[in-house]
Amino acid sequence: MSPAATLGTVLLAYLPAAVSPGPNFVLIAHTAAAGSRRAAVAVALGVVAAGGLLAAVAVFGLGGVLAREPWLATALRVVCGGYLAWLGVRLWWHAHAPAPDAQESENRHNAATHQAGTLFRRGVVSNLTNPKAAAFFGSVLTATLPPGEPTAVKAAAVALIVAASAGWHLSVALLFSSPATRRWYTHAKPALNRSVGTILVVLGVTLAVTP
């Protein structure tokens, strides 16, 4: 198979996995509707960075480190699962907090500049603990990109995945931070926070206790 055909296969395999709703989509959309566009973009960039890391690990075989050190994989799973569950509990706790007025929204927007690192890391953790991402990078990607492919093709595949991920996740951040979406969020906030919080708690606990 030619390099172009190989990369096309990788892209066709990745796109359905990227656009199907999952923890990353939920986190970015909720951050955009509840916070600011800048906050949502920071989370989306964290998701993209983690996807690039997972792709590189799968393509270049670095996952053998975790295979040789099972305790490290277990510790990572428990810590990341606990973090997701904690985010879910926080959403439940603040479900009935009043929606911010215009001035508070502006203050949050300005504060997001200083919290970019935290938001970015939240996106990274979301994708690193995403079972859908693990399934894709651990099986589908390795099947569509055989180990015998040249290094240049492997690097191009990682770059292609990062570009596609950035296009999709940044689009979600921009769409859900629009004024119309944020007005809808003001009315739906309590129920939406409880729903999203429940999803994150279930995902986090499942991740932490499943070998």
C-alpha atoms as a PDB file:
ATOM      1  CA  MET A   1       0.000   0.000   0.000  1.00  0.00           C
ATOM      2  CA  SER A   2       1.329   3.456  -0.895  1.00  0.00           C
ATOM      3  CA  PRO A   3       2.074   5.995   1.885  1.00  0.00           C
ATOM      4  CA  ALA A   4      -0.847   8.162   0.736  1.00  0.00           C
ATOM      5  CA  ALA A   5      -3.242   5.211   0.856  1.00  0.00           C
ATOM      6  CA  THR A   6      -1.953   4.226   4.285  1.00  0.00           C
ATOM      7  CA  LEU A   7      -2.470   7.730   5.658  1.00  0.00           C
ATOM      8  CA  GLY A   8      -5.931   7.878   4.089  1.00  0.00           C
ATOM      9  CA  THR A   9      -6.831   4.638   5.830  1.00  0.00           C
ATOM     10  CA  VAL A  10      -5.595   6.016   9.145  1.00  0.00           C
ATOM     11  CA  LEU A  11      -7.675   9.172   8.729  1.00  0.00           C
ATOM     12  CA  LEU A  12     -10.816   7.257   7.764  1.00  0.00           C
ATOM     13  CA  ALA A  13     -10.372   5.045  10.811  1.00  0.00           C
ATOM     14  CA  TYR A  14      -9.768   7.972  13.160  1.00  0.00           C
ATOM     15  CA  LEU A  15     -12.546  10.379  12.159  1.00  0.00           C
ATOM     16  CA  PRO A  16     -15.519   8.265  13.352  1.00  0.00           C
ATOM     17  CA  ALA A  17     -13.754   7.670  16.673  1.00  0.00           C
ATOM     18  CA  ALA A  18     -13.043  11.384  17.063  1.00  0.00           C
ATOM     19  CA  VAL A  19     -16.511  12.754  16.285  1.00  0.00           C
ATOM     20  CA  SER A  20     -18.592  10.186  18.182  1.00  0.00           C
ATOM     21  CA  PRO A  21     -19.683  11.674  21.552  1.00  0.00           C
ATOM     22  CA  GLY A  22     -17.601  10.665  24.539  1.00  0.00           C
ATOM     23  CA  PRO A  23     -15.931  12.106  27.672  1.00  0.00           C
ATOM     24  CA  ASN A  24     -13.833  14.580  25.668  1.00  0.00           C
ATOM     25  CA  PHE A  25     -16.868  15.963  23.858  1.00  0.00           C
ATOM     26  CA  VAL A  26     -18.817  16.257  27.101  1.00  0.00           C
ATOM     27  CA  LEU A  27     -15.998  18.065  28.900  1.00  0.00           C
ATOM     28  CA  ILE A  28     -15.248  20.531  26.095  1.00  0.00           C
ATOM     29  CA  ALA A  29     -18.902  21.311  25.405  1.00  0.00           C
ATOM     30  CA  HIS A  30     -19.709  21.784  29.076  1.00  0.00           C
ATOM     31  CA  THR A  31     -16.670  24.007  29.656  1.00  0.00           C
ATOM     32  CA  ALA A  32     -17.588  26.126  26.643  1.00  0.00           C
ATOM     33  CA  ALA A  33     -21.212  26.592  27.687  1.00  0.00           C
ATOM     34  CA  ALA A  34     -20.453  27.172  31.365  1.00  0.00           C
ATOM     35  CA  GLY A  35     -17.237  29.147  31.179  1.00  0.00           C
ATOM     36  CA  SER A  36     -15.703  30.991  28.267  1.00  0.00           C
ATOM     37  CA  ARG A  37     -14.424  30.346  24.778  1.00  0.00           C
ATOM     38  CA  ARG A  38     -10.835  30.690  25.962  1.00  0.00           C
ATOM     39  CA  ALA A  39     -11.370  28.108  28.697  1.00  0.00           C
ATOM     40  CA  ALA A  40     -12.934  25.642  26.260  1.00  0.00           C
ATOM     41  CA  VAL A  41     -10.094  26.131  23.762  1.00  0.00           C
ATOM     42  CA  ALA A  42      -7.550  25.395  26.509  1.00  0.00           C
ATOM     43  CA  VAL A  43      -9.349  22.138  27.362  1.00  0.00           C
ATOM     44  CA  ALA A  44      -9.609  21.231  23.674  1.00  0.00           C
ATOM     45  CA  LEU A  45      -5.883  21.804  23.169  1.00  0.00           C
ATOM     46  CA  GLY A  46      -5.194  19.502  26.118  1.00  0.00           C
ATOM     47  CA  VAL A  47      -7.326  16.821  24.486  1.00  0.00           C
ATOM     48  CA  VAL A  48      -5.443  17.293  21.208  1.00  0.00           C
ATOM     49  CA  ALA A  49      -2.037  17.092  22.916  1.00  0.00           C
ATOM     50  CA  ALA A  50      -2.976  13.896  24.745  1.00  0.00           C
ATOM     51  CA  GLY A  51      -4.262  12.402  21.485  1.00  0.00           C
ATOM     52  CA  GLY A  52      -0.945  13.151  19.831  1.00  0.00           C
ATOM     53  CA  LEU A  53       0.881  11.502  22.711  1.00  0.00           C
ATOM     54  CA  LEU A  54      -1.316   8.400  22.569  1.00  0.00           C
ATOM     55  CA  ALA A  55      -0.854   8.193  18.809  1.00  0.00           C
ATOM     56  CA  ALA A  56       2.923   8.427  19.148  1.00  0.00           C
ATOM     57  CA  VAL A  57       2.933   5.785  21.874  1.00  0.00           C
ATOM     58  CA  ALA A  58       0.889   3.414  19.707  1.00  0.00           C
ATOM     59  CA  VAL A  59       2.763   4.089  16.464  1.00  0.00           C
ATOM     60  CA  PHE A  60       6.282   3.911  17.853  1.00  0.00           C
ATOM     61  CA  GLY A  61       5.677   1.090  20.307  1.00  0.00           C
ATOM     62  CA  LEU A  62       6.384   2.989  23.520  1.00  0.00           C
ATOM     63  CA  GLY A  63       3.439   1.266  25.161  1.00  0.00           C
ATOM     64  CA  GLY A  64       5.800  -1.603  25.962  1.00  0.00           C
ATOM     65  CA  VAL A  65       6.916   0.379  29.011  1.00  0.00           C
ATOM     66  CA  LEU A  66       3.497   0.020  30.606  1.00  0.00           C
ATOM     67  CA  ALA A  67       3.354  -3.619  29.559  1.00  0.00           C
ATOM     68  CA  ARG A  68       6.647  -4.288  31.383  1.00  0.00           C
ATOM     69  CA  GLU A  69       5.592  -2.262  34.437  1.00  0.00           C
ATOM     70  CA  PRO A  70       1.983  -3.240  35.211  1.00  0.00           C
ATOM     71  CA  TRP A  71       2.051  -1.403  38.553  1.00  0.00           C
ATOM     72  CA  LEU A  72       2.617   1.856  36.689  1.00  0.00           C
ATOM     73  CA  ALA A  73      -0.358   1.244  34.423  1.00  0.00           C
ATOM     74  CA  THR A  74      -2.533   0.422  37.472  1.00  0.00           C
ATOM     75  CA  ALA A  75      -1.433   3.534  39.357  1.00  0.00           C
ATOM     76  CA  LEU A  76      -2.103   5.735  36.333  1.00  0.00           C
ATOM     77  CA  ARG A  77      -5.555   4.206  35.878  1.00  0.00           C
ATOM     78  CA  VAL A  78      -6.551   4.698  39.525  1.00  0.00           C
ATOM     79  CA  VAL A  79      -5.262   8.274  39.761  1.00  0.00           C
ATOM     80  CA  CYS A  80      -6.861   9.369  36.500  1.00  0.00           C
ATOM     81  CA  GLY A  81     -10.131   7.614  37.318  1.00  0.00           C
ATOM     82  CA  GLY A  82     -10.245   9.342  40.679  1.00  0.00           C
ATOM     83  CA  TYR A  83      -9.666  12.692  38.997  1.00  0.00           C
ATOM     84  CA  LEU A  84     -12.586  12.203  36.605  1.00  0.00           C
ATOM     85  CA  ALA A  85     -14.845  11.180  39.484  1.00  0.00           C
ATOM     86  CA  TRP A  86     -13.780  14.271  41.438  1.00  0.00           C
ATOM     87  CA  LEU A  87     -14.719  16.500  38.504  1.00  0.00           C
ATOM     88  CA  GLY A  88     -18.128  14.823  38.396  1.00  0.00           C
ATOM     89  CA  VAL A  89     -18.728  15.345  42.106  1.00  0.00           C
ATOM     90  CA  ARG A  90     -17.821  19.030  41.742  1.00  0.00           C
ATOM     91  CA  LEU A  91     -20.413  19.435  38.991  1.00  0.00           C
ATOM     92  CA  TRP A  92     -23.078  17.859  41.194  1.00  0.00           C
ATOM     93  CA  TRP A  93     -22.062  20.089  44.102  1.00  0.00           C
ATOM     94  CA  HIS A  94     -22.408  23.259  42.025  1.00  0.00           C
ATOM     95  CA  ALA A  95     -25.454  22.173  40.018  1.00  0.00           C
ATOM     96  CA  HIS A  96     -27.751  24.728  41.668  1.00  0.00           C
ATOM     97  CA  ALA A  97     -25.270  27.595  41.812  1.00  0.00           C
ATOM     98  CA  PRO A  98     -26.733  30.637  40.054  1.00  0.00           C
ATOM     99  CA  ALA A  99     -25.605  31.244  36.488  1.00  0.00           C
ATOM    100  CA  PRO A 100     -23.072  34.086  36.262  1.00  0.00           C
ATOM    101  CA  ASP A 101     -24.300  37.519  35.243  1.00  0.00           C
ATOM    102  CA  ALA A 102     -22.599  39.511  32.496  1.00  0.00           C
ATOM    103  CA  GLN A 103     -19.936  41.043  34.769  1.00  0.00           C
ATOM    104  CA  GLU A 104     -19.123  37.697  36.392  1.00  0.00           C
ATOM    105  CA  SER A 105     -18.867  36.082  32.985  1.00  0.00           C
ATOM    106  CA  GLU A 106     -16.367  38.736  31.975  1.00  0.00           C
ATOM    107  CA  ASN A 107     -14.377  38.130  35.159  1.00  0.00           C
ATOM    108  CA  ARG A 108     -14.346  34.407  34.453  1.00  0.00           C
ATOM    109  CA  HIS A 109     -13.201  35.112  30.935  1.00  0.00           C
ATOM    110  CA  ASN A 110     -10.274  37.140  32.240  1.00  0.00           C
ATOM    111  CA  ALA A 111      -9.450  34.582  34.914  1.00  0.00           C
ATOM    112  CA  ALA A 112      -9.345  31.846  32.294  1.00  0.00           C
ATOM    113  CA  THR A 113      -6.165  33.415  30.964  1.00  0.00           C
ATOM    114  CA  HIS A 114      -4.436  32.613  34.252  1.00  0.00           C
ATOM    115  CA  GLN A 115      -6.013  29.154  34.501  1.00  0.00           C
ATOM    116  CA  ALA A 116      -5.010  28.026  31.039  1.00  0.00           C
ATOM    117  CA  GLY A 117      -2.487  25.538  32.380  1.00  0.00           C
ATOM    118  CA  THR A 118      -5.035  23.903  34.675  1.00  0.00           C
ATOM    119  CA  LEU A 119      -7.635  23.714  31.914  1.00  0.00           C
ATOM    120  CA  PHE A 120      -5.095  22.318  29.475  1.00  0.00           C
ATOM    121  CA  ARG A 121      -4.134  19.588  31.949  1.00  0.00           C
ATOM    122  CA  ARG A 122      -7.830  18.783  32.458  1.00  0.00           C
ATOM    123  CA  GLY A 123      -8.128  18.121  28.730  1.00  0.00           C
ATOM    124  CA  VAL A 124      -4.995  15.977  28.773  1.00  0.00           C
ATOM    125  CA  VAL A 125      -6.315  13.829  31.632  1.00  0.00           C
ATOM    126  CA  SER A 126      -9.713  13.495  29.954  1.00  0.00           C
ATOM    127  CA  ASN A 127      -8.209  12.034  26.799  1.00  0.00           C
ATOM    128  CA  LEU A 128      -5.587   9.888  28.528  1.00  0.00           C
ATOM    129  CA  THR A 129      -8.362   8.242  30.567  1.00  0.00           C
ATOM    130  CA  ASN A 130     -10.837   7.998  27.693  1.00  0.00           C
ATOM    131  CA  PRO A 131     -11.674   4.299  27.072  1.00  0.00           C
ATOM    132  CA  LYS A 132     -12.659   5.109  23.487  1.00  0.00           C
ATOM    133  CA  ALA A 133      -9.244   6.669  22.831  1.00  0.00           C
ATOM    134  CA  ALA A 134      -7.492   3.712  24.443  1.00  0.00           C
ATOM    135  CA  ALA A 135      -9.433   1.294  22.250  1.00  0.00           C
ATOM    136  CA  PHE A 136      -8.640   3.207  19.072  1.00  0.00           C
ATOM    137  CA  PHE A 137      -4.961   3.825  19.685  1.00  0.00           C
ATOM    138  CA  GLY A 138      -4.396   0.424  21.243  1.00  0.00           C
ATOM    139  CA  SER A 139      -5.982  -1.637  18.479  1.00  0.00           C
ATOM    140  CA  VAL A 140      -7.463   0.166  15.473  1.00  0.00           C
ATOM    141  CA  LEU A 141      -4.486   2.433  14.821  1.00  0.00           C
ATOM    142  CA  THR A 142      -1.927  -0.323  15.188  1.00  0.00           C
ATOM    143  CA  ALA A 143      -3.973  -2.473  12.807  1.00  0.00           C
ATOM    144  CA  THR A 144      -4.197   0.235  10.134  1.00  0.00           C
ATOM    145  CA  LEU A 145      -0.547   1.255  10.490  1.00  0.00           C
ATOM    146  CA  PRO A 146       1.623  -1.892  10.526  1.00  0.00           C
ATOM    147  CA  PRO A 147       4.979  -1.803  12.403  1.00  0.00           C
ATOM    148  CA  GLY A 148       6.892  -2.196   9.144  1.00  0.00           C
ATOM    149  CA  GLU A 149       5.877   1.223   7.823  1.00  0.00           C
ATOM    150  CA  PRO A 150       8.727   3.745   7.386  1.00  0.00           C
ATOM    151  CA  THR A 151       9.351   6.186  10.235  1.00  0.00           C
ATOM    152  CA  ALA A 152       8.340   9.109   8.012  1.00  0.00           C
ATOM    153  CA  VAL A 153       4.935   7.552   7.353  1.00  0.00           C
ATOM    154  CA  LYS A 154       4.426   6.885  11.060  1.00  0.00           C
ATOM    155  CA  ALA A 155       5.315  10.482  11.919  1.00  0.00           C
ATOM    156  CA  ALA A 156       2.967  11.742   9.208  1.00  0.00           C
ATOM    157  CA  ALA A 157       0.174   9.572  10.628  1.00  0.00           C
ATOM    158  CA  VAL A 158       0.653  11.096  14.080  1.00  0.00           C
ATOM    159  CA  ALA A 159       0.644  14.611  12.594  1.00  0.00           C
ATOM    160  CA  LEU A 160      -2.507  13.815  10.611  1.00  0.00           C
ATOM    161  CA  ILE A 161      -4.300  12.584  13.719  1.00  0.00           C
ATOM    162  CA  VAL A 162      -3.271  15.703  15.652  1.00  0.00           C
ATOM    163  CA  ALA A 163      -4.520  17.966  12.855  1.00  0.00           C
ATOM    164  CA  ALA A 164      -7.859  16.153  12.572  1.00  0.00           C
ATOM    165  CA  SER A 165      -8.281  16.151  16.348  1.00  0.00           C
ATOM    166  CA  ALA A 166      -7.544  19.868  16.541  1.00  0.00           C
ATOM    167  CA  GLY A 167     -10.046  20.654  13.800  1.00  0.00           C
ATOM    168  CA  TRP A 168     -12.854  18.726  15.485  1.00  0.00           C
ATOM    169  CA  HIS A 169     -12.305  19.543  19.156  1.00  0.00           C
ATOM    170  CA  LEU A 170     -11.658  23.244  18.565  1.00  0.00           C
ATOM    171  CA  SER A 171     -14.848  23.373  16.490  1.00  0.00           C
ATOM    172  CA  VAL A 172     -16.780  21.929  19.438  1.00  0.00           C
ATOM    173  CA  ALA A 173     -15.241  24.551  21.737  1.00  0.00           C
ATOM    174  CA  LEU A 174     -16.206  27.389  19.404  1.00  0.00           C
ATOM    175  CA  LEU A 175     -19.708  26.091  18.718  1.00  0.00           C
ATOM    176  CA  PHE A 176     -20.710  25.539  22.337  1.00  0.00           C
ATOM    177  CA  SER A 177     -19.272  28.867  23.494  1.00  0.00           C
ATOM    178  CA  SER A 178     -21.576  30.817  21.169  1.00  0.00           C
ATOM    179  CA  PRO A 179     -24.039  33.269  22.804  1.00  0.00           C
ATOM    180  CA  ALA A 180     -27.062  31.178  21.790  1.00  0.00           C
ATOM    181  CA  THR A 181     -25.614  28.048  23.381  1.00  0.00           C
ATOM    182  CA  ARG A 182     -24.699  29.895  26.542  1.00  0.00           C
ATOM    183  CA  ARG A 183     -28.223  31.320  26.857  1.00  0.00           C
ATOM    184  CA  TRP A 184     -29.580  27.779  26.584  1.00  0.00           C
ATOM    185  CA  TYR A 185     -27.100  26.640  29.226  1.00  0.00           C
ATOM    186  CA  THR A 186     -28.364  29.273  31.669  1.00  0.00           C
ATOM    187  CA  HIS A 187     -31.762  27.542  31.720  1.00  0.00           C
ATOM    188  CA  ALA A 188     -30.496  23.966  31.514  1.00  0.00           C
ATOM    189  CA  LYS A 189     -27.600  24.309  33.993  1.00  0.00           C
ATOM    190  CA  PRO A 190     -28.904  22.298  37.002  1.00  0.00           C
ATOM    191  CA  ALA A 191     -30.041  19.247  35.040  1.00  0.00           C
ATOM    192  CA  LEU A 192     -27.078  19.411  32.677  1.00  0.00           C
ATOM    193  CA  ASN A 193     -24.540  19.645  35.496  1.00  0.00           C
ATOM    194  CA  ARG A 194     -26.073  16.646  37.239  1.00  0.00           C
ATOM    195  CA  SER A 195     -26.113  14.629  34.006  1.00  0.00           C
ATOM    196  CA  VAL A 196     -22.532  15.473  33.078  1.00  0.00           C
ATOM    197  CA  GLY A 197     -21.405  14.961  36.670  1.00  0.00           C
ATOM    198  CA  THR A 198     -22.989  11.506  36.747  1.00  0.00           C
ATOM    199  CA  ILE A 199     -21.300  10.548  33.478  1.00  0.00           C
ATOM    200  CA  LEU A 200     -17.882  11.635  34.769  1.00  0.00           C
ATOM    201  CA  VAL A 201     -18.311   9.844  38.105  1.00  0.00           C
ATOM    202  CA  VAL A 202     -19.357   6.600  36.417  1.00  0.00           C
ATOM    203  CA  LEU A 203     -16.479   6.822  33.945  1.00  0.00           C
ATOM    204  CA  GLY A 204     -13.991   7.615  36.681  1.00  0.00           C
ATOM    205  CA  VAL A 205     -15.068   4.816  39.016  1.00  0.00           C
ATOM    206  CA  THR A 206     -15.239   2.317  36.151  1.00  0.00           C
ATOM    207  CA  LEU A 207     -11.746   3.279  35.036  1.00  0.00           C
ATOM    208  CA  ALA A 208     -10.318   3.048  38.557  1.00  0.00           C
ATOM    209  CA  VAL A 209     -11.754  -0.381  39.438  1.00  0.00           C
ATOM    210  CA  THR A 210     -11.522  -2.153  36.060  1.00  0.00           C
ATOM    211  CA  PRO A 211      -8.212  -3.999  35.532  1.00  0.00           C
END
